[in-house]
Amino acid sequence: MVKTEVKYLMDTTRDIVVAKLSQSAPNYSDKDTGEAIAGMYEAIYNKLNDIYKAGISGSSNE
């Protein structure tokens, strides 16, 4: 994956996380909240990456 693709996935992940947090932002920030947000970011990024890779490998078979 090239740098621009990684940046696109990271930016998209950020946008999703920000949208999610704007709907249910925590009342306070602490270590646990930060870890929960980081975990959410990682899970979303990994899922988007899986979808992206599946799309790339699927498009070469068309």
PDB file of N, CA and C in Angstrom:
ATOM      1  N   MET A   1       0.855  -1.170   0.000  1.00  0.00           N
ATOM      2  CA  MET A   1       0.000   0.000   0.000  1.00  0.00           C
ATOM      3  C   MET A   1       0.903   1.235   0.000  1.00  0.00           C
ATOM      4  N   VAL A   2       0.576   2.164  -0.865  1.00  0.00           N
ATOM      5  CA  VAL A   2       1.383   3.374  -0.955  1.00  0.00           C
ATOM      6  C   VAL A   2       0.958   4.387   0.102  1.00  0.00           C
ATOM      7  N   LYS A   3       1.822   5.361   0.314  1.00  0.00           N
ATOM      8  CA  LYS A   3       1.625   6.367   1.363  1.00  0.00           C
ATOM      9  C   LYS A   3       0.284   7.101   1.230  1.00  0.00           C
ATOM     10  N   THR A   4      -0.116   7.429   0.011  1.00  0.00           N
ATOM     11  CA  THR A   4      -1.373   8.159  -0.175  1.00  0.00           C
ATOM     12  C   THR A   4      -2.583   7.305   0.210  1.00  0.00           C
ATOM     13  N   GLU A   5      -2.490   6.006  -0.029  1.00  0.00           N
ATOM     14  CA  GLU A   5      -3.591   5.120   0.352  1.00  0.00           C
ATOM     15  C   GLU A   5      -3.701   5.013   1.868  1.00  0.00           C
ATOM     16  N   VAL A   6      -2.572   4.932   2.546  1.00  0.00           N
ATOM     17  CA  VAL A   6      -2.559   4.884   4.011  1.00  0.00           C
ATOM     18  C   VAL A   6      -3.136   6.176   4.565  1.00  0.00           C
ATOM     19  N   LYS A   7      -2.722   7.317   4.001  1.00  0.00           N
ATOM     20  CA  LYS A   7      -3.240   8.608   4.463  1.00  0.00           C
ATOM     21  C   LYS A   7      -4.752   8.684   4.252  1.00  0.00           C
ATOM     22  N   TYR A   8      -5.225   8.218   3.116  1.00  0.00           N
ATOM     23  CA  TYR A   8      -6.664   8.220   2.849  1.00  0.00           C
ATOM     24  C   TYR A   8      -7.410   7.380   3.891  1.00  0.00           C
ATOM     25  N   LEU A   9      -6.908   6.186   4.183  1.00  0.00           N
ATOM     26  CA  LEU A   9      -7.550   5.333   5.180  1.00  0.00           C
ATOM     27  C   LEU A   9      -7.519   5.974   6.564  1.00  0.00           C
ATOM     28  N   MET A  10      -6.391   6.585   6.914  1.00  0.00           N
ATOM     29  CA  MET A  10      -6.290   7.237   8.227  1.00  0.00           C
ATOM     30  C   MET A  10      -7.233   8.432   8.324  1.00  0.00           C
ATOM     31  N   ASP A  11      -7.320   9.217   7.255  1.00  0.00           N
ATOM     32  CA  ASP A  11      -8.223  10.374   7.255  1.00  0.00           C
ATOM     33  C   ASP A  11      -9.685   9.935   7.340  1.00  0.00           C
ATOM     34  N   THR A  12     -10.036   8.891   6.608  1.00  0.00           N
ATOM     35  CA  THR A  12     -11.396   8.375   6.644  1.00  0.00           C
ATOM     36  C   THR A  12     -11.727   7.840   8.028  1.00  0.00           C
ATOM     37  N   THR A  13     -10.783   7.119   8.618  1.00  0.00           N
ATOM     38  CA  THR A  13     -10.969   6.598   9.974  1.00  0.00           C
ATOM     39  C   THR A  13     -11.173   7.749  10.957  1.00  0.00           C
ATOM     40  N   ARG A  14     -10.353   8.768  10.848  1.00  0.00           N
ATOM     41  CA  ARG A  14     -10.483   9.942  11.725  1.00  0.00           C
ATOM     42  C   ARG A  14     -11.859  10.564  11.600  1.00  0.00           C
ATOM     43  N   ASP A  15     -12.338  10.710  10.373  1.00  0.00           N
ATOM     44  CA  ASP A  15     -13.652  11.317  10.152  1.00  0.00           C
ATOM     45  C   ASP A  15     -14.764  10.490  10.798  1.00  0.00           C
ATOM     46  N   ILE A  16     -14.668   9.170  10.696  1.00  0.00           N
ATOM     47  CA  ILE A  16     -15.670   8.296  11.305  1.00  0.00           C
ATOM     48  C   ILE A  16     -15.626   8.408  12.825  1.00  0.00           C
ATOM     49  N   VAL A  17     -14.417   8.395  13.397  1.00  0.00           N
ATOM     50  CA  VAL A  17     -14.269   8.485  14.853  1.00  0.00           C
ATOM     51  C   VAL A  17     -14.794   9.828  15.365  1.00  0.00           C
ATOM     52  N   VAL A  18     -14.451  10.904  14.675  1.00  0.00           N
ATOM     53  CA  VAL A  18     -14.932  12.224  15.087  1.00  0.00           C
ATOM     54  C   VAL A  18     -16.456  12.284  15.019  1.00  0.00           C
ATOM     55  N   ALA A  19     -17.035  11.727  13.953  1.00  0.00           N
ATOM     56  CA  ALA A  19     -18.492  11.716  13.838  1.00  0.00           C
ATOM     57  C   ALA A  19     -19.118  10.906  14.974  1.00  0.00           C
ATOM     58  N   LYS A  20     -18.532   9.772  15.284  1.00  0.00           N
ATOM     59  CA  LYS A  20     -19.044   8.936  16.373  1.00  0.00           C
ATOM     60  C   LYS A  20     -18.938   9.674  17.711  1.00  0.00           C
ATOM     61  N   LEU A  21     -17.801  10.289  17.973  1.00  0.00           N
ATOM     62  CA  LEU A  21     -17.606  10.984  19.241  1.00  0.00           C
ATOM     63  C   LEU A  21     -18.510  12.210  19.364  1.00  0.00           C
ATOM     64  N   SER A  22     -18.828  12.846  18.246  1.00  0.00           N
ATOM     65  CA  SER A  22     -19.700  14.019  18.324  1.00  0.00           C
ATOM     66  C   SER A  22     -21.114  13.609  18.723  1.00  0.00           C
ATOM     67  N   GLN A  23     -21.466  12.352  18.501  1.00  0.00           N
ATOM     68  CA  GLN A  23     -22.775  11.839  18.895  1.00  0.00           C
ATOM     69  C   GLN A  23     -22.800  11.365  20.344  1.00  0.00           C
ATOM     70  N   SER A  24     -21.633  10.954  20.856  1.00  0.00           N
ATOM     71  CA  SER A  24     -21.600  10.388  22.209  1.00  0.00           C
ATOM     72  C   SER A  24     -20.284  10.712  22.910  1.00  0.00           C
ATOM     73  N   ALA A  25     -19.900  11.968  22.861  1.00  0.00           N
ATOM     74  CA  ALA A  25     -18.627  12.371  23.456  1.00  0.00           C
ATOM     75  C   ALA A  25     -18.607  12.087  24.958  1.00  0.00           C
ATOM     76  N   PRO A  26     -17.485  11.571  25.451  1.00  0.00           N
ATOM     77  CA  PRO A  26     -17.383  11.336  26.897  1.00  0.00           C
ATOM     78  C   PRO A  26     -17.411  12.657  27.661  1.00  0.00           C
ATOM     79  N   ASN A  27     -17.915  12.603  28.883  1.00  0.00           N
ATOM     80  CA  ASN A  27     -18.014  13.803  29.711  1.00  0.00           C
ATOM     81  C   ASN A  27     -16.657  14.271  30.218  1.00  0.00           C
ATOM     82  N   TYR A  28     -15.707  13.369  30.283  1.00  0.00           N
ATOM     83  CA  TYR A  28     -14.376  13.717  30.778  1.00  0.00           C
ATOM     84  C   TYR A  28     -13.357  12.865  30.047  1.00  0.00           C
ATOM     85  N   SER A  29     -12.121  13.306  30.089  1.00  0.00           N
ATOM     86  CA  SER A  29     -11.042  12.562  29.448  1.00  0.00           C
ATOM     87  C   SER A  29     -10.078  12.073  30.506  1.00  0.00           C
ATOM     88  N   ASP A  30      -9.726  10.829  30.391  1.00  0.00           N
ATOM     89  CA  ASP A  30      -8.706  10.249  31.244  1.00  0.00           C
ATOM     90  C   ASP A  30      -8.032   9.120  30.468  1.00  0.00           C
ATOM     91  N   LYS A  31      -7.166   8.395  31.120  1.00  0.00           N
ATOM     92  CA  LYS A  31      -6.416   7.335  30.454  1.00  0.00           C
ATOM     93  C   LYS A  31      -7.348   6.286  29.851  1.00  0.00           C
ATOM     94  N   ASP A  32      -8.349   5.864  30.598  1.00  0.00           N
ATOM     95  CA  ASP A  32      -9.274   4.844  30.119  1.00  0.00           C
ATOM     96  C   ASP A  32     -10.069   5.319  28.905  1.00  0.00           C
ATOM     97  N   THR A  33     -10.511   6.566  28.938  1.00  0.00           N
ATOM     98  CA  THR A  33     -11.255   7.124  27.810  1.00  0.00           C
ATOM     99  C   THR A  33     -10.361   7.204  26.579  1.00  0.00           C
ATOM    100  N   GLY A  34      -9.134   7.655  26.763  1.00  0.00           N
ATOM    101  CA  GLY A  34      -8.180   7.723  25.657  1.00  0.00           C
ATOM    102  C   GLY A  34      -7.907   6.356  25.058  1.00  0.00           C
ATOM    103  N   GLU A  35      -7.758   5.354  25.917  1.00  0.00           N
ATOM    104  CA  GLU A  35      -7.519   3.992  25.430  1.00  0.00           C
ATOM    105  C   GLU A  35      -8.738   3.462  24.683  1.00  0.00           C
ATOM    106  N   ALA A  36      -9.930   3.790  25.157  1.00  0.00           N
ATOM    107  CA  ALA A  36     -11.152   3.348  24.484  1.00  0.00           C
ATOM    108  C   ALA A  36     -11.266   3.992  23.101  1.00  0.00           C
ATOM    109  N   ILE A  37     -10.948   5.273  23.014  1.00  0.00           N
ATOM    110  CA  ILE A  37     -10.992   5.972  21.726  1.00  0.00           C
ATOM    111  C   ILE A  37      -9.935   5.401  20.785  1.00  0.00           C
ATOM    112  N   ALA A  38      -8.741   5.143  21.298  1.00  0.00           N
ATOM    113  CA  ALA A  38      -7.680   4.550  20.476  1.00  0.00           C
ATOM    114  C   ALA A  38      -8.090   3.166  19.980  1.00  0.00           C
ATOM    115  N   GLY A  39      -8.731   2.398  20.835  1.00  0.00           N
ATOM    116  CA  GLY A  39      -9.206   1.076  20.434  1.00  0.00           C
ATOM    117  C   GLY A  39     -10.266   1.166  19.342  1.00  0.00           C
ATOM    118  N   MET A  40     -11.161   2.147  19.467  1.00  0.00           N
ATOM    119  CA  MET A  40     -12.187   2.349  18.457  1.00  0.00           C
ATOM    120  C   MET A  40     -11.538   2.749  17.131  1.00  0.00           C
ATOM    121  N   TYR A  41     -10.575   3.664  17.177  1.00  0.00           N
ATOM    122  CA  TYR A  41      -9.869   4.101  15.972  1.00  0.00           C
ATOM    123  C   TYR A  41      -9.197   2.903  15.299  1.00  0.00           C
ATOM    124  N   GLU A  42      -8.496   2.102  16.089  1.00  0.00           N
ATOM    125  CA  GLU A  42      -7.785   0.950  15.540  1.00  0.00           C
ATOM    126  C   GLU A  42      -8.749  -0.055  14.901  1.00  0.00           C
ATOM    127  N   ALA A  43      -9.855  -0.327  15.563  1.00  0.00           N
ATOM    128  CA  ALA A  43     -10.831  -1.275  15.027  1.00  0.00           C
ATOM    129  C   ALA A  43     -11.429  -0.777  13.711  1.00  0.00           C
ATOM    130  N   ILE A  44     -11.752   0.507  13.652  1.00  0.00           N
ATOM    131  CA  ILE A  44     -12.318   1.078  12.425  1.00  0.00           C
ATOM    132  C   ILE A  44     -11.272   1.065  11.319  1.00  0.00           C
ATOM    133  N   TYR A  45     -10.039   1.465  11.627  1.00  0.00           N
ATOM    134  CA  TYR A  45      -8.970   1.463  10.622  1.00  0.00           C
ATOM    135  C   TYR A  45      -8.747   0.052  10.081  1.00  0.00           C
ATOM    136  N   ASN A  46      -8.678  -0.927  10.971  1.00  0.00           N
ATOM    137  CA  ASN A  46      -8.443  -2.304  10.527  1.00  0.00           C
ATOM    138  C   ASN A  46      -9.570  -2.794   9.619  1.00  0.00           C
ATOM    139  N   LYS A  47     -10.806  -2.463   9.959  1.00  0.00           N
ATOM    140  CA  LYS A  47     -11.942  -2.883   9.132  1.00  0.00           C
ATOM    141  C   LYS A  47     -11.903  -2.192   7.778  1.00  0.00           C
ATOM    142  N   LEU A  48     -11.644  -0.893   7.752  1.00  0.00           N
ATOM    143  CA  LEU A  48     -11.536  -0.186   6.472  1.00  0.00           C
ATOM    144  C   LEU A  48     -10.402  -0.753   5.630  1.00  0.00           C
ATOM    145  N   ASN A  49      -9.297  -1.086   6.261  1.00  0.00           N
ATOM    146  CA  ASN A  49      -8.154  -1.663   5.558  1.00  0.00           C
ATOM    147  C   ASN A  49      -8.537  -3.011   4.952  1.00  0.00           C
ATOM    148  N   ASP A  50      -9.254  -3.837   5.704  1.00  0.00           N
ATOM    149  CA  ASP A  50      -9.716  -5.132   5.181  1.00  0.00           C
ATOM    150  C   ASP A  50     -10.640  -4.938   3.975  1.00  0.00           C
ATOM    151  N   ILE A  51     -11.557  -3.987   4.090  1.00  0.00           N
ATOM    152  CA  ILE A  51     -12.485  -3.709   2.988  1.00  0.00           C
ATOM    153  C   ILE A  51     -11.716  -3.219   1.767  1.00  0.00           C
ATOM    154  N   TYR A  52     -10.753  -2.334   1.992  1.00  0.00           N
ATOM    155  CA  TYR A  52      -9.943  -1.791   0.904  1.00  0.00           C
ATOM    156  C   TYR A  52      -9.168  -2.905   0.202  1.00  0.00           C
ATOM    157  N   LYS A  53      -8.517  -3.761   0.994  1.00  0.00           N
ATOM    158  CA  LYS A  53      -7.739  -4.856   0.407  1.00  0.00           C
ATOM    159  C   LYS A  53      -8.634  -5.813  -0.371  1.00  0.00           C
ATOM    160  N   ALA A  54      -9.818  -6.094   0.150  1.00  0.00           N
ATOM    161  CA  ALA A  54     -10.755  -6.978  -0.555  1.00  0.00           C
ATOM    162  C   ALA A  54     -11.191  -6.341  -1.873  1.00  0.00           C
ATOM    163  N   GLY A  55     -11.386  -5.033  -1.863  1.00  0.00           N
ATOM    164  CA  GLY A  55     -11.765  -4.329  -3.088  1.00  0.00           C
ATOM    165  C   GLY A  55     -10.655  -4.340  -4.119  1.00  0.00           C
ATOM    166  N   ILE A  56      -9.422  -4.183  -3.660  1.00  0.00           N
ATOM    167  CA  ILE A  56      -8.272  -4.196  -4.567  1.00  0.00           C
ATOM    168  C   ILE A  56      -8.105  -5.572  -5.199  1.00  0.00           C
ATOM    169  N   SER A  57      -8.155  -6.610  -4.375  1.00  0.00           N
ATOM    170  CA  SER A  57      -7.958  -7.952  -4.918  1.00  0.00           C
ATOM    171  C   SER A  57      -9.153  -8.374  -5.775  1.00  0.00           C
ATOM    172  N   GLY A  58     -10.338  -7.894  -5.427  1.00  0.00           N
ATOM    173  CA  GLY A  58     -11.524  -8.206  -6.215  1.00  0.00           C
ATOM    174  C   GLY A  58     -11.550  -7.501  -7.552  1.00  0.00           C
ATOM    175  N   SER A  59     -11.011  -6.287  -7.601  1.00  0.00           N
ATOM    176  CA  SER A  59     -11.032  -5.522  -8.852  1.00  0.00           C
ATOM    177  C   SER A  59     -10.074  -6.080  -9.887  1.00  0.00           C
ATOM    178  N   SER A  60      -9.038  -6.780  -9.470  1.00  0.00           N
ATOM    179  CA  SER A  60      -8.096  -7.353 -10.436  1.00  0.00           C
ATOM    180  C   SER A  60      -8.660  -8.583 -11.107  1.00  0.00           C
ATOM    181  N   ASN A  61      -9.732  -9.156 -10.547  1.00  0.00           N
ATOM    182  CA  ASN A  61     -10.345 -10.348 -11.133  1.00  0.00           C
ATOM    183  C   ASN A  61     -11.462 -10.014 -12.094  1.00  0.00           C
ATOM    184  N   GLU A  62     -11.784  -8.756 -12.243  1.00  0.00           N
ATOM    185  CA  GLU A  62     -12.901  -8.375 -13.122  1.00  0.00           C
ATOM    186  C   GLU A  62     -12.452  -8.269 -14.548  1.00  0.00           C
TER     187      GLU A  62
END
